[in-house]
Amino acid sequence: MADMNNQQDQDLRFRCADVGDKSCKWEARGRNEDDIMRQVEQHGREKHNIQNVDDNMRQKIRGAINKQAA
């Protein structure tokens, strides 16, 4: 059972196009939402000039994080 839960924790994915610029092909993968959020915030600063991610945007991002199909 623990192995199954471990695998689920490692299979999260986020696509920038799901919450913002539809032409952006960037994706993040991580073990948990915090891993993904760090990557997303860095990507937002570097590629989209988003200096501050507010609570509303954080909520949209968390809603767009999905488990990858095995």
Protein backbone atom coordinates (compact mmCIF):
# COMPACT_ATOMS: atom_id res chain seq x y z
CA MET A 1 0.00 0.00 0.00
CA ALA A 2 2.75 2.49 0.90
CA ASP A 3 4.38 2.07 -2.51
CA MET A 4 1.14 2.96 -4.25
CA ASN A 5 0.77 6.16 -2.20
CA ASN A 6 4.41 7.02 -2.80
CA GLN A 7 3.96 6.73 -6.55
CA GLN A 8 0.89 8.97 -6.48
CA ASP A 9 2.85 11.64 -4.61
CA GLN A 10 5.49 11.70 -7.35
CA ASP A 11 3.16 12.03 -10.29
CA LEU A 12 1.87 15.60 -10.16
CA ARG A 13 1.92 17.82 -13.22
CA PHE A 14 1.05 21.42 -14.02
CA ARG A 15 0.78 23.07 -17.44
CA CYS A 16 1.15 26.85 -17.69
CA ALA A 17 -1.38 26.97 -20.55
CA ASP A 18 -4.09 25.73 -18.16
CA VAL A 19 -4.10 28.98 -16.16
CA GLY A 20 -2.54 31.63 -18.34
CA ASP A 21 -0.91 32.05 -21.70
CA LYS A 22 -2.50 29.38 -23.91
CA SER A 23 0.52 29.38 -26.22
CA CYS A 24 2.97 28.56 -23.39
CA LYS A 25 4.04 24.91 -23.59
CA TRP A 26 5.89 24.90 -20.25
CA GLU A 27 5.13 22.14 -17.74
CA ALA A 28 6.19 21.37 -14.19
CA ARG A 29 6.34 17.96 -12.55
CA GLY A 30 6.88 17.23 -8.91
CA ARG A 31 6.29 15.10 -5.85
CA ASN A 32 3.87 17.50 -4.19
CA GLU A 33 2.12 20.83 -4.63
CA ASP A 34 4.94 22.74 -2.92
CA ASP A 35 7.48 21.38 -5.45
CA ILE A 36 5.23 22.48 -8.30
CA MET A 37 4.49 25.91 -6.78
CA ARG A 38 8.21 26.72 -6.49
CA GLN A 39 8.71 25.87 -10.16
CA VAL A 40 5.60 27.76 -11.25
CA GLU A 41 6.57 30.92 -9.37
CA GLN A 42 10.07 30.87 -10.88
CA HIS A 43 8.65 30.29 -14.38
CA GLY A 44 6.17 33.14 -13.90
CA ARG A 45 8.95 35.56 -12.92
CA GLU A 46 11.36 34.52 -15.66
CA LYS A 47 9.03 34.04 -18.63
CA HIS A 48 5.87 36.05 -17.91
CA ASN A 49 7.18 38.91 -15.73
CA ILE A 50 4.85 37.96 -12.85
CA GLN A 51 6.60 39.28 -9.77
CA ASN A 52 4.01 38.39 -7.13
CA VAL A 53 1.66 35.42 -7.16
CA ASP A 54 -1.40 36.41 -5.16
CA ASP A 55 -3.75 34.06 -3.30
CA ASN A 56 -6.25 34.03 -6.17
CA MET A 57 -3.58 32.94 -8.68
CA ARG A 58 -2.20 30.36 -6.21
CA GLN A 59 -5.68 28.88 -5.93
CA LYS A 60 -6.00 28.69 -9.74
CA ILE A 61 -2.59 27.03 -9.99
CA ARG A 62 -3.38 24.47 -7.28
CA GLY A 63 -6.67 23.70 -9.06
CA ALA A 64 -4.76 23.02 -12.28
CA ILE A 65 -2.25 20.59 -10.73
CA ASN A 66 -3.12 17.08 -11.87
CA LYS A 67 -1.98 13.58 -11.18
CA GLN A 68 -0.25 12.05 -14.18
CA ALA A 69 -1.64 8.87 -15.66
CA ALA A 70 0.57 5.87 -14.93
